[in-house]
Amino acid sequence: MVVTMALGWAARAQDGAAENPPTLHAGAKLVLVPVTVRDKKGNLIDGLTEEDFAVADQGVRQKIHLDTSDTVVAPVSLVVAVQASGISAAALGKINKVGAMIQPLVIGDRGKAAVIAYDDEIRVVQDFTGDGTKLRIALEGIHGRNLFKGRMIDAAEKAIEMLAARPESSRRILVMLSESRDRGSQAKLTEAIEQAQRAGVMIYPATYSAHAIAWTARPEDDPVLPGGPDYIRALGELFRKGKINDADAFARATGGRHLSFATLNGLEEAIGRAGEEIHSQYLLSFVPASTPGFHALTVAVTNRPDAVVRARPGYWAL
């Protein structure tokens, strides 16, 4: 995402925390690069400074500015996309119960979130709001309809379109609660990925196996299958293993993270991990070159050999 703004140093300067803010002006075109840094054990690494990072655009090292997610002025804009296929009924019994987590753990006090549901069609269940109660009600109300269709890629395109219309200064994030593979989309994966990269959307799929999660369902959680899991139908999922993992592709191409769950506790942990990461990111920015097209980015932490860095792999210049 290329944004026209001066980032969070202004907020820190007002608090007296930045004595010498960089000379970025309101009309500057900036590339915003959220970066997650963990050690080899998976623990988040905090306390890094600008001097610790090296960012290269097409192999050329850039002069960067650093904000943390606690000080940046850009709030979170989030879309939660939920697969609402009938085959997802066991997962929906768990998803219906986690809506209260979205506002405090993911978007925070200043962010806004929307909810969409998809099966053979895509529906906006809740437009952008910062009201945690509305988000909870929206997720509680999603139930399985179409048995097999799950147009994951088409839903991602709709969510990206919604996020692209949000203020340029916001951090745009898509959380997908779904299977890891598409069922019947018209759009192509490569096209959706390009749209996400152009809009600066980070994608966090939290996925389940319809085969595996059927064994964790309780009858009261599965209105489509009131007698319990349909084991014959679940076994049919084993034949889908050869298909491309769309969730992995979305996460890798946008700097997000592919999480998974099979139980309610697992889903709660996945949302908690995503929220922790979003609010612990380093937000790097730089003035890009004017050459149009896709620009490959590399981000490294120069003085921490144990650092595992994840960031968007590139951006599109106009």
C-alpha atoms as a PDB file:
ATOM      1  CA  MET A   1       0.000   0.000   0.000  1.00  0.00           C
ATOM      2  CA  VAL A   2       1.313   3.433  -0.961  1.00  0.00           C
ATOM      3  CA  VAL A   3      -0.126   6.110   1.317  1.00  0.00           C
ATOM      4  CA  THR A   4      -0.121   9.890   1.192  1.00  0.00           C
ATOM      5  CA  MET A   5       0.577  10.860   4.779  1.00  0.00           C
ATOM      6  CA  ALA A   6       3.141  11.517   7.467  1.00  0.00           C
ATOM      7  CA  LEU A   7       3.075   8.563   9.835  1.00  0.00           C
ATOM      8  CA  GLY A   8       2.985   8.188  13.611  1.00  0.00           C
ATOM      9  CA  TRP A   9       6.105  10.207  14.417  1.00  0.00           C
ATOM     10  CA  ALA A  10       3.801  13.204  14.533  1.00  0.00           C
ATOM     11  CA  ALA A  11       1.793  11.643  17.341  1.00  0.00           C
ATOM     12  CA  ARG A  12       4.945  10.773  19.249  1.00  0.00           C
ATOM     13  CA  ALA A  13       6.327  14.275  18.749  1.00  0.00           C
ATOM     14  CA  GLN A  14       3.226  15.745  20.329  1.00  0.00           C
ATOM     15  CA  ASP A  15       3.921  13.600  23.384  1.00  0.00           C
ATOM     16  CA  GLY A  16       7.559  14.648  23.483  1.00  0.00           C
ATOM     17  CA  ALA A  17       8.732  11.137  22.625  1.00  0.00           C
ATOM     18  CA  ALA A  18      10.423  12.057  19.322  1.00  0.00           C
ATOM     19  CA  GLU A  19      12.865  14.946  19.526  1.00  0.00           C
ATOM     20  CA  ASN A  20      14.014  14.770  15.899  1.00  0.00           C
ATOM     21  CA  PRO A  21      11.234  13.423  13.701  1.00  0.00           C
ATOM     22  CA  PRO A  22      12.147  12.699  10.076  1.00  0.00           C
ATOM     23  CA  THR A  23      11.442  15.335   7.454  1.00  0.00           C
ATOM     24  CA  LEU A  24       8.372  13.700   5.899  1.00  0.00           C
ATOM     25  CA  HIS A  25       5.675  15.992   4.611  1.00  0.00           C
ATOM     26  CA  ALA A  26       1.929  15.612   4.206  1.00  0.00           C
ATOM     27  CA  GLY A  27       2.191  15.205   0.438  1.00  0.00           C
ATOM     28  CA  ALA A  28       4.856  12.480   0.527  1.00  0.00           C
ATOM     29  CA  LYS A  29       4.046   9.133  -1.055  1.00  0.00           C
ATOM     30  CA  LEU A  30       5.051   6.440   1.402  1.00  0.00           C
ATOM     31  CA  VAL A  31       5.131   2.665   1.355  1.00  0.00           C
ATOM     32  CA  LEU A  32       3.920   1.211   4.661  1.00  0.00           C
ATOM     33  CA  VAL A  33       5.468  -2.139   5.625  1.00  0.00           C
ATOM     34  CA  PRO A  34       4.120  -3.856   8.767  1.00  0.00           C
ATOM     35  CA  VAL A  35       6.796  -6.242  10.060  1.00  0.00           C
ATOM     36  CA  THR A  36       6.543  -9.090  12.569  1.00  0.00           C
ATOM     37  CA  VAL A  37       9.768 -10.166  14.276  1.00  0.00           C
ATOM     38  CA  ARG A  38      10.043 -13.344  16.339  1.00  0.00           C
ATOM     39  CA  ASP A  39      12.914 -15.386  17.698  1.00  0.00           C
ATOM     40  CA  LYS A  40      13.473 -18.998  16.681  1.00  0.00           C
ATOM     41  CA  LYS A  41      11.252 -20.147  19.556  1.00  0.00           C
ATOM     42  CA  GLY A  42       8.352 -18.084  18.224  1.00  0.00           C
ATOM     43  CA  ASN A  43       8.495 -15.302  20.821  1.00  0.00           C
ATOM     44  CA  LEU A  44       7.875 -11.748  19.638  1.00  0.00           C
ATOM     45  CA  ILE A  45      10.969  -9.537  19.737  1.00  0.00           C
ATOM     46  CA  ASP A  46      10.335  -5.987  20.894  1.00  0.00           C
ATOM     47  CA  GLY A  47      12.531  -2.957  21.496  1.00  0.00           C
ATOM     48  CA  LEU A  48      14.056  -2.779  18.005  1.00  0.00           C
ATOM     49  CA  THR A  49      14.953   0.587  16.458  1.00  0.00           C
ATOM     50  CA  GLU A  50      15.280   1.948  12.925  1.00  0.00           C
ATOM     51  CA  GLU A  51      18.972   1.084  12.935  1.00  0.00           C
ATOM     52  CA  ASP A  52      18.137  -2.594  13.469  1.00  0.00           C
ATOM     53  CA  PHE A  53      16.235  -2.917  10.178  1.00  0.00           C
ATOM     54  CA  ALA A  54      17.422  -3.119   6.590  1.00  0.00           C
ATOM     55  CA  VAL A  55      14.753  -2.699   3.895  1.00  0.00           C
ATOM     56  CA  ALA A  56      15.554  -3.162   0.219  1.00  0.00           C
ATOM     57  CA  ASP A  57      13.267  -2.185  -2.669  1.00  0.00           C
ATOM     58  CA  GLN A  58      14.256  -4.110  -5.797  1.00  0.00           C
ATOM     59  CA  GLY A  59      17.605  -4.771  -4.097  1.00  0.00           C
ATOM     60  CA  VAL A  60      18.248  -1.102  -3.258  1.00  0.00           C
ATOM     61  CA  ARG A  61      18.438  -0.285   0.452  1.00  0.00           C
ATOM     62  CA  GLN A  62      15.952   2.365   1.563  1.00  0.00           C
ATOM     63  CA  LYS A  63      16.010   5.131   4.132  1.00  0.00           C
ATOM     64  CA  ILE A  64      13.230   4.095   6.497  1.00  0.00           C
ATOM     65  CA  HIS A  65      11.165   5.455   9.338  1.00  0.00           C
ATOM     66  CA  LEU A  66       9.910   3.232  12.152  1.00  0.00           C
ATOM     67  CA  ASP A  67       6.767   3.275  14.244  1.00  0.00           C
ATOM     68  CA  THR A  68       5.398   0.612  16.521  1.00  0.00           C
ATOM     69  CA  SER A  69       1.717  -0.303  16.411  1.00  0.00           C
ATOM     70  CA  ASP A  70       1.279   1.339  19.812  1.00  0.00           C
ATOM     71  CA  THR A  71       2.361   4.760  18.547  1.00  0.00           C
ATOM     72  CA  VAL A  72       1.295   4.840  14.913  1.00  0.00           C
ATOM     73  CA  VAL A  73      -1.662   7.007  14.028  1.00  0.00           C
ATOM     74  CA  ALA A  74      -3.101   4.454  11.577  1.00  0.00           C
ATOM     75  CA  PRO A  75      -6.028   2.488  13.075  1.00  0.00           C
ATOM     76  CA  VAL A  76      -6.935  -1.057  12.057  1.00  0.00           C
ATOM     77  CA  SER A  77      -9.521  -1.661   9.341  1.00  0.00           C
ATOM     78  CA  LEU A  78     -10.561  -5.303   9.446  1.00  0.00           C
ATOM     79  CA  VAL A  79     -12.869  -7.591   7.487  1.00  0.00           C
ATOM     80  CA  VAL A  80     -13.775 -10.967   8.967  1.00  0.00           C
ATOM     81  CA  ALA A  81     -14.806 -13.330   6.153  1.00  0.00           C
ATOM     82  CA  VAL A  82     -16.631 -16.462   7.308  1.00  0.00           C
ATOM     83  CA  GLN A  83     -17.279 -19.543   5.188  1.00  0.00           C
ATOM     84  CA  ALA A  84     -20.960 -20.330   5.707  1.00  0.00           C
ATOM     85  CA  SER A  85     -21.273 -23.531   3.674  1.00  0.00           C
ATOM     86  CA  GLY A  86     -23.401 -26.300   5.091  1.00  0.00           C
ATOM     87  CA  ILE A  87     -20.277 -28.432   5.238  1.00  0.00           C
ATOM     88  CA  SER A  88     -18.857 -25.807   7.619  1.00  0.00           C
ATOM     89  CA  ALA A  89     -21.637 -26.202  10.183  1.00  0.00           C
ATOM     90  CA  ALA A  90     -19.383 -27.798  12.813  1.00  0.00           C
ATOM     91  CA  ALA A  91     -16.913 -24.911  12.513  1.00  0.00           C
ATOM     92  CA  LEU A  92     -19.700 -22.317  12.560  1.00  0.00           C
ATOM     93  CA  GLY A  93     -20.811 -23.652  15.943  1.00  0.00           C
ATOM     94  CA  LYS A  94     -17.449 -22.421  17.227  1.00  0.00           C
ATOM     95  CA  ILE A  95     -17.186 -19.266  15.121  1.00  0.00           C
ATOM     96  CA  ASN A  96     -20.587 -18.089  16.426  1.00  0.00           C
ATOM     97  CA  LYS A  97     -19.032 -17.864  19.909  1.00  0.00           C
ATOM     98  CA  VAL A  98     -15.954 -15.702  19.287  1.00  0.00           C
ATOM     99  CA  GLY A  99     -17.464 -12.417  18.073  1.00  0.00           C
ATOM    100  CA  ALA A 100     -16.838 -10.721  21.416  1.00  0.00           C
ATOM    101  CA  MET A 101     -13.079 -11.143  20.877  1.00  0.00           C
ATOM    102  CA  ILE A 102     -12.815  -9.048  17.707  1.00  0.00           C
ATOM    103  CA  GLN A 103     -13.063  -5.550  19.155  1.00  0.00           C
ATOM    104  CA  PRO A 104     -10.784  -5.851  22.211  1.00  0.00           C
ATOM    105  CA  LEU A 105      -8.151  -8.179  20.734  1.00  0.00           C
ATOM    106  CA  VAL A 106      -7.950  -7.317  17.040  1.00  0.00           C
ATOM    107  CA  ILE A 107      -9.207  -3.841  16.106  1.00  0.00           C
ATOM    108  CA  GLY A 108      -8.694  -2.075  19.437  1.00  0.00           C
ATOM    109  CA  ASP A 109     -10.427   1.095  20.559  1.00  0.00           C
ATOM    110  CA  ARG A 110      -9.857   3.082  17.343  1.00  0.00           C
ATOM    111  CA  GLY A 111     -10.316   0.405  14.704  1.00  0.00           C
ATOM    112  CA  LYS A 112     -13.364  -0.716  12.752  1.00  0.00           C
ATOM    113  CA  ALA A 113     -14.376  -4.130  11.467  1.00  0.00           C
ATOM    114  CA  ALA A 114     -16.889  -5.562   9.003  1.00  0.00           C
ATOM    115  CA  VAL A 115     -18.209  -9.112   8.655  1.00  0.00           C
ATOM    116  CA  ILE A 116     -19.025 -10.989   5.464  1.00  0.00           C
ATOM    117  CA  ALA A 117     -20.324 -14.534   5.014  1.00  0.00           C
ATOM    118  CA  TYR A 118     -19.943 -16.659   1.914  1.00  0.00           C
ATOM    119  CA  ASP A 119     -21.030 -19.951   0.415  1.00  0.00           C
ATOM    120  CA  ASP A 120     -22.353 -19.851  -3.171  1.00  0.00           C
ATOM    121  CA  GLU A 121     -22.810 -16.095  -2.719  1.00  0.00           C
ATOM    122  CA  ILE A 122     -21.083 -13.354  -0.725  1.00  0.00           C
ATOM    123  CA  ARG A 123     -23.096 -11.376   1.814  1.00  0.00           C
ATOM    124  CA  VAL A 124     -22.133  -8.334   3.901  1.00  0.00           C
ATOM    125  CA  VAL A 125     -23.481  -9.242   7.325  1.00  0.00           C
ATOM    126  CA  GLN A 126     -22.143  -6.146   9.109  1.00  0.00           C
ATOM    127  CA  ASP A 127     -20.577  -3.039   7.591  1.00  0.00           C
ATOM    128  CA  PHE A 128     -17.601  -1.359   9.265  1.00  0.00           C
ATOM    129  CA  THR A 129     -18.194  -0.554  12.904  1.00  0.00           C
ATOM    130  CA  GLY A 130     -16.227  -0.141  16.106  1.00  0.00           C
ATOM    131  CA  ASP A 131     -19.136  -1.486  18.156  1.00  0.00           C
ATOM    132  CA  GLY A 132     -18.133  -4.808  19.680  1.00  0.00           C
ATOM    133  CA  THR A 133     -21.745  -5.762  20.366  1.00  0.00           C
ATOM    134  CA  LYS A 134     -22.687  -5.435  16.687  1.00  0.00           C
ATOM    135  CA  LEU A 135     -19.704  -7.554  15.692  1.00  0.00           C
ATOM    136  CA  ARG A 136     -20.656 -10.234  18.210  1.00  0.00           C
ATOM    137  CA  ILE A 137     -24.246 -10.326  16.956  1.00  0.00           C
ATOM    138  CA  ALA A 138     -23.079 -10.490  13.335  1.00  0.00           C
ATOM    139  CA  LEU A 139     -20.904 -13.546  13.957  1.00  0.00           C
ATOM    140  CA  GLU A 140     -23.565 -15.215  16.089  1.00  0.00           C
ATOM    141  CA  GLY A 141     -26.043 -14.948  13.236  1.00  0.00           C
ATOM    142  CA  ILE A 142     -24.024 -16.780  10.562  1.00  0.00           C
ATOM    143  CA  HIS A 143     -25.313 -20.299   9.857  1.00  0.00           C
ATOM    144  CA  GLY A 144     -24.576 -22.852   7.152  1.00  0.00           C
ATOM    145  CA  ARG A 145     -26.662 -22.733   3.961  1.00  0.00           C
ATOM    146  CA  ASN A 146     -25.266 -24.172   0.720  1.00  0.00           C
ATOM    147  CA  LEU A 147     -23.829 -27.630   1.353  1.00  0.00           C
ATOM    148  CA  PHE A 148     -20.630 -27.598  -0.699  1.00  0.00           C
ATOM    149  CA  LYS A 149     -19.930 -24.194  -2.258  1.00  0.00           C
ATOM    150  CA  GLY A 150     -17.411 -21.975  -0.483  1.00  0.00           C
ATOM    151  CA  ARG A 151     -16.237 -19.182  -2.790  1.00  0.00           C
ATOM    152  CA  MET A 152     -13.177 -18.235  -0.758  1.00  0.00           C
ATOM    153  CA  ILE A 153     -11.343 -16.317  -3.496  1.00  0.00           C
ATOM    154  CA  ASP A 154     -14.456 -14.372  -4.523  1.00  0.00           C
ATOM    155  CA  ALA A 155     -15.044 -13.510  -0.856  1.00  0.00           C
ATOM    156  CA  ALA A 156     -11.453 -12.337  -0.498  1.00  0.00           C
ATOM    157  CA  GLU A 157     -11.898 -10.048  -3.508  1.00  0.00           C
ATOM    158  CA  LYS A 158     -15.045  -8.554  -1.965  1.00  0.00           C
ATOM    159  CA  ALA A 159     -13.277  -8.004   1.354  1.00  0.00           C
ATOM    160  CA  ILE A 160     -10.276  -6.429  -0.380  1.00  0.00           C
ATOM    161  CA  GLU A 161     -12.611  -4.102  -2.299  1.00  0.00           C
ATOM    162  CA  MET A 162     -14.194  -3.035   0.999  1.00  0.00           C
ATOM    163  CA  LEU A 163     -10.803  -2.499   2.639  1.00  0.00           C
ATOM    164  CA  ALA A 164      -9.440  -0.551  -0.333  1.00  0.00           C
ATOM    165  CA  ALA A 165     -12.209   2.007   0.240  1.00  0.00           C
ATOM    166  CA  ARG A 166     -11.056   2.599   3.825  1.00  0.00           C
ATOM    167  CA  PRO A 167      -8.807   5.587   4.620  1.00  0.00           C
ATOM    168  CA  GLU A 168      -5.346   5.251   3.101  1.00  0.00           C
ATOM    169  CA  SER A 169      -3.769   5.726   6.509  1.00  0.00           C
ATOM    170  CA  SER A 170      -5.439   2.639   8.015  1.00  0.00           C
ATOM    171  CA  ARG A 171      -3.826  -0.777   8.372  1.00  0.00           C
ATOM    172  CA  ARG A 172      -5.956  -3.054   6.227  1.00  0.00           C
ATOM    173  CA  ILE A 173      -6.381  -6.615   7.462  1.00  0.00           C
ATOM    174  CA  LEU A 174      -8.488  -9.564   6.331  1.00  0.00           C
ATOM    175  CA  VAL A 175      -9.159 -12.483   8.683  1.00  0.00           C
ATOM    176  CA  MET A 176     -10.647 -15.514   6.940  1.00  0.00           C
ATOM    177  CA  LEU A 177     -12.394 -18.187   9.038  1.00  0.00           C
ATOM    178  CA  SER A 178     -12.674 -20.950   6.492  1.00  0.00           C
ATOM    179  CA  GLU A 179     -11.345 -24.077   4.909  1.00  0.00           C
ATOM    180  CA  SER A 180      -7.889 -23.676   3.417  1.00  0.00           C
ATOM    181  CA  ARG A 181      -9.041 -24.335  -0.145  1.00  0.00           C
ATOM    182  CA  ASP A 182     -11.538 -22.655  -2.423  1.00  0.00           C
ATOM    183  CA  ARG A 183     -14.839 -24.215  -3.526  1.00  0.00           C
ATOM    184  CA  GLY A 184     -16.184 -22.777  -6.759  1.00  0.00           C
ATOM    185  CA  SER A 185     -14.928 -19.186  -7.073  1.00  0.00           C
ATOM    186  CA  GLN A 186     -15.086 -17.373 -10.397  1.00  0.00           C
ATOM    187  CA  ALA A 187     -12.059 -15.165  -9.621  1.00  0.00           C
ATOM    188  CA  LYS A 188      -8.508 -16.471  -9.932  1.00  0.00           C
ATOM    189  CA  LEU A 189      -6.178 -16.714  -6.954  1.00  0.00           C
ATOM    190  CA  THR A 190      -3.417 -14.740  -8.686  1.00  0.00           C
ATOM    191  CA  GLU A 191      -5.827 -11.879  -9.417  1.00  0.00           C
ATOM    192  CA  ALA A 192      -7.048 -11.723  -5.819  1.00  0.00           C
ATOM    193  CA  ILE A 193      -3.475 -11.741  -4.521  1.00  0.00           C
ATOM    194  CA  GLU A 194      -2.527  -8.864  -6.807  1.00  0.00           C
ATOM    195  CA  GLN A 195      -5.540  -6.874  -5.609  1.00  0.00           C
ATOM    196  CA  ALA A 196      -4.549  -7.502  -1.978  1.00  0.00           C
ATOM    197  CA  GLN A 197      -0.985  -6.407  -2.667  1.00  0.00           C
ATOM    198  CA  ARG A 198      -2.127  -3.258  -4.469  1.00  0.00           C
ATOM    199  CA  ALA A 199      -4.439  -2.343  -1.583  1.00  0.00           C
ATOM    200  CA  GLY A 200      -1.880  -3.191   1.098  1.00  0.00           C
ATOM    201  CA  VAL A 201      -4.109  -5.831   2.705  1.00  0.00           C
ATOM    202  CA  MET A 202      -2.539  -8.367   5.061  1.00  0.00           C
ATOM    203  CA  ILE A 203      -4.430 -11.671   5.135  1.00  0.00           C
ATOM    204  CA  TYR A 204      -4.682 -13.900   8.196  1.00  0.00           C
ATOM    205  CA  PRO A 205      -6.489 -17.143   7.331  1.00  0.00           C
ATOM    206  CA  ALA A 206      -7.602 -19.181  10.354  1.00  0.00           C
ATOM    207  CA  THR A 207      -8.591 -22.448   8.742  1.00  0.00           C
ATOM    208  CA  TYR A 208     -10.068 -25.798   9.630  1.00  0.00           C
ATOM    209  CA  SER A 209     -10.498 -29.147   7.953  1.00  0.00           C
ATOM    210  CA  ALA A 210     -14.154 -30.015   7.446  1.00  0.00           C
ATOM    211  CA  HIS A 211     -13.011 -33.640   7.727  1.00  0.00           C
ATOM    212  CA  ALA A 212     -11.280 -33.182  11.085  1.00  0.00           C
ATOM    213  CA  ILE A 213     -13.594 -30.649  12.717  1.00  0.00           C
ATOM    214  CA  ALA A 214     -16.628 -32.872  12.187  1.00  0.00           C
ATOM    215  CA  TRP A 215     -15.274 -35.162  14.911  1.00  0.00           C
ATOM    216  CA  THR A 216     -15.095 -32.284  17.402  1.00  0.00           C
ATOM    217  CA  ALA A 217     -18.670 -31.072  16.898  1.00  0.00           C
ATOM    218  CA  ARG A 218     -21.418 -31.453  19.471  1.00  0.00           C
ATOM    219  CA  PRO A 219     -24.969 -32.051  18.164  1.00  0.00           C
ATOM    220  CA  GLU A 220     -26.179 -28.722  19.549  1.00  0.00           C
ATOM    221  CA  ASP A 221     -23.418 -26.890  17.636  1.00  0.00           C
ATOM    222  CA  ASP A 222     -24.428 -28.328  14.268  1.00  0.00           C
ATOM    223  CA  PRO A 223     -27.957 -27.371  13.179  1.00  0.00           C
ATOM    224  CA  VAL A 224     -27.461 -28.863   9.713  1.00  0.00           C
ATOM    225  CA  LEU A 225     -26.447 -32.205  11.199  1.00  0.00           C
ATOM    226  CA  PRO A 226     -28.655 -32.580  14.285  1.00  0.00           C
ATOM    227  CA  GLY A 227     -27.679 -36.208  14.815  1.00  0.00           C
ATOM    228  CA  GLY A 228     -23.970 -35.461  14.995  1.00  0.00           C
ATOM    229  CA  PRO A 229     -21.192 -35.457  12.358  1.00  0.00           C
ATOM    230  CA  ASP A 230     -21.818 -37.048   8.963  1.00  0.00           C
ATOM    231  CA  TYR A 231     -18.767 -39.320   8.798  1.00  0.00           C
ATOM    232  CA  ILE A 232     -19.425 -40.404   5.207  1.00  0.00           C
ATOM    233  CA  ARG A 233     -19.424 -36.784   4.039  1.00  0.00           C
ATOM    234  CA  ALA A 234     -16.363 -35.992   6.124  1.00  0.00           C
ATOM    235  CA  LEU A 235     -14.409 -38.869   4.593  1.00  0.00           C
ATOM    236  CA  GLY A 236     -15.040 -37.349   1.176  1.00  0.00           C
ATOM    237  CA  GLU A 237     -12.844 -34.433   2.199  1.00  0.00           C
ATOM    238  CA  LEU A 238      -9.796 -36.676   2.122  1.00  0.00           C
ATOM    239  CA  PHE A 239      -9.971 -36.638  -1.683  1.00  0.00           C
ATOM    240  CA  ARG A 240      -9.406 -32.865  -1.854  1.00  0.00           C
ATOM    241  CA  LYS A 241      -5.826 -32.929  -0.546  1.00  0.00           C
ATOM    242  CA  GLY A 242      -4.177 -32.450  -3.916  1.00  0.00           C
ATOM    243  CA  LYS A 243      -5.641 -29.002  -4.523  1.00  0.00           C
ATOM    244  CA  ILE A 244      -3.619 -25.807  -4.003  1.00  0.00           C
ATOM    245  CA  ASN A 245      -3.702 -24.375  -0.503  1.00  0.00           C
ATOM    246  CA  ASP A 246      -5.254 -20.965  -1.159  1.00  0.00           C
ATOM    247  CA  ALA A 247      -4.923 -19.881   2.489  1.00  0.00           C
ATOM    248  CA  ASP A 248      -1.167 -20.431   2.449  1.00  0.00           C
ATOM    249  CA  ALA A 249      -0.853 -18.464  -0.782  1.00  0.00           C
ATOM    250  CA  PHE A 250      -2.851 -15.515   0.592  1.00  0.00           C
ATOM    251  CA  ALA A 251      -0.824 -15.371   3.804  1.00  0.00           C
ATOM    252  CA  ARG A 252       2.593 -15.671   2.157  1.00  0.00           C
ATOM    253  CA  ALA A 253       1.842 -13.133  -0.562  1.00  0.00           C
ATOM    254  CA  THR A 254       0.602 -10.438   1.832  1.00  0.00           C
ATOM    255  CA  GLY A 255       2.819 -10.827   4.906  1.00  0.00           C
ATOM    256  CA  GLY A 256       0.049 -12.356   7.007  1.00  0.00           C
ATOM    257  CA  ARG A 257       0.023 -15.648   8.873  1.00  0.00           C
ATOM    258  CA  HIS A 258      -1.836 -18.902   8.248  1.00  0.00           C
ATOM    259  CA  LEU A 259      -3.339 -20.206  11.486  1.00  0.00           C
ATOM    260  CA  SER A 260      -5.548 -23.249  12.031  1.00  0.00           C
ATOM    261  CA  PHE A 261      -8.047 -24.631  14.529  1.00  0.00           C
ATOM    262  CA  ALA A 262     -10.172 -27.676  15.226  1.00  0.00           C
ATOM    263  CA  THR A 263     -11.750 -26.764  18.574  1.00  0.00           C
ATOM    264  CA  LEU A 264     -13.271 -23.673  20.170  1.00  0.00           C
ATOM    265  CA  ASN A 265     -10.150 -23.224  22.302  1.00  0.00           C
ATOM    266  CA  GLY A 266      -8.031 -23.507  19.176  1.00  0.00           C
ATOM    267  CA  LEU A 267     -10.087 -20.823  17.423  1.00  0.00           C
ATOM    268  CA  GLU A 268      -9.851 -18.509  20.431  1.00  0.00           C
ATOM    269  CA  GLU A 269      -6.088 -19.011  20.507  1.00  0.00           C
ATOM    270  CA  ALA A 270      -5.811 -18.295  16.777  1.00  0.00           C
ATOM    271  CA  ILE A 271      -7.707 -15.002  17.114  1.00  0.00           C
ATOM    272  CA  GLY A 272      -5.638 -14.100  20.156  1.00  0.00           C
ATOM    273  CA  ARG A 273      -2.379 -14.808  18.304  1.00  0.00           C
ATOM    274  CA  ALA A 274      -3.482 -12.746  15.308  1.00  0.00           C
ATOM    275  CA  GLY A 275      -4.470  -9.834  17.537  1.00  0.00           C
ATOM    276  CA  GLU A 276      -1.225 -10.020  19.520  1.00  0.00           C
ATOM    277  CA  GLU A 277       0.785  -9.985  16.334  1.00  0.00           C
ATOM    278  CA  ILE A 278      -1.121  -7.114  14.735  1.00  0.00           C
ATOM    279  CA  HIS A 279      -0.599  -4.970  17.807  1.00  0.00           C
ATOM    280  CA  SER A 280       3.075  -5.907  18.189  1.00  0.00           C
ATOM    281  CA  GLN A 281       4.205  -5.155  14.652  1.00  0.00           C
ATOM    282  CA  TYR A 282       6.870  -2.696  13.662  1.00  0.00           C
ATOM    283  CA  LEU A 283       5.558  -0.289  11.025  1.00  0.00           C
ATOM    284  CA  LEU A 284       8.286   0.698   8.603  1.00  0.00           C
ATOM    285  CA  SER A 285       7.778   3.319   5.922  1.00  0.00           C
ATOM    286  CA  PHE A 286       9.840   4.802   3.120  1.00  0.00           C
ATOM    287  CA  VAL A 287       9.467   7.019   0.056  1.00  0.00           C
ATOM    288  CA  PRO A 288       9.329   4.650  -2.930  1.00  0.00           C
ATOM    289  CA  ALA A 289      10.894   4.893  -6.349  1.00  0.00           C
ATOM    290  CA  SER A 290       8.614   6.122  -9.117  1.00  0.00           C
ATOM    291  CA  THR A 291       9.097   3.107 -11.397  1.00  0.00           C
ATOM    292  CA  PRO A 292       5.647   1.561 -12.040  1.00  0.00           C
ATOM    293  CA  GLY A 293       4.911  -2.121 -11.570  1.00  0.00           C
ATOM    294  CA  PHE A 294       5.557  -4.668  -8.843  1.00  0.00           C
ATOM    295  CA  HIS A 295       8.464  -3.941  -6.485  1.00  0.00           C
ATOM    296  CA  ALA A 296       9.980  -6.823  -4.518  1.00  0.00           C
ATOM    297  CA  LEU A 297      10.773  -6.009  -0.894  1.00  0.00           C
ATOM    298  CA  THR A 298      13.196  -7.658   1.509  1.00  0.00           C
ATOM    299  CA  VAL A 299      13.275  -6.860   5.216  1.00  0.00           C
ATOM    300  CA  ALA A 300      16.006  -8.017   7.581  1.00  0.00           C
ATOM    301  CA  VAL A 301      17.058  -7.422  11.193  1.00  0.00           C
ATOM    302  CA  THR A 302      20.769  -6.822  10.913  1.00  0.00           C
ATOM    303  CA  ASN A 303      22.022  -7.470  14.463  1.00  0.00           C
ATOM    304  CA  ARG A 304      19.790 -10.347  15.607  1.00  0.00           C
ATOM    305  CA  PRO A 305      20.813 -13.654  13.999  1.00  0.00           C
ATOM    306  CA  ASP A 306      17.938 -15.366  15.820  1.00  0.00           C
ATOM    307  CA  ALA A 307      15.322 -13.046  14.296  1.00  0.00           C
ATOM    308  CA  VAL A 308      12.614 -14.538  12.068  1.00  0.00           C
ATOM    309  CA  VAL A 309      11.134 -11.689  10.020  1.00  0.00           C
ATOM    310  CA  ARG A 310       7.803 -11.700   8.207  1.00  0.00           C
ATOM    311  CA  ALA A 311       6.649  -8.797   6.026  1.00  0.00           C
ATOM    312  CA  ARG A 312       4.838  -8.180   2.768  1.00  0.00           C
ATOM    313  CA  PRO A 313       6.981  -9.463  -0.127  1.00  0.00           C
ATOM    314  CA  GLY A 314       6.353  -6.421  -2.293  1.00  0.00           C
ATOM    315  CA  TYR A 315       4.078  -3.593  -3.398  1.00  0.00           C
ATOM    316  CA  TRP A 316       2.682  -2.164  -6.607  1.00  0.00           C
ATOM    317  CA  ALA A 317       3.803   1.277  -7.703  1.00  0.00           C
ATOM    318  CA  LEU A 318       1.437   3.247  -9.918  1.00  0.00           C
END
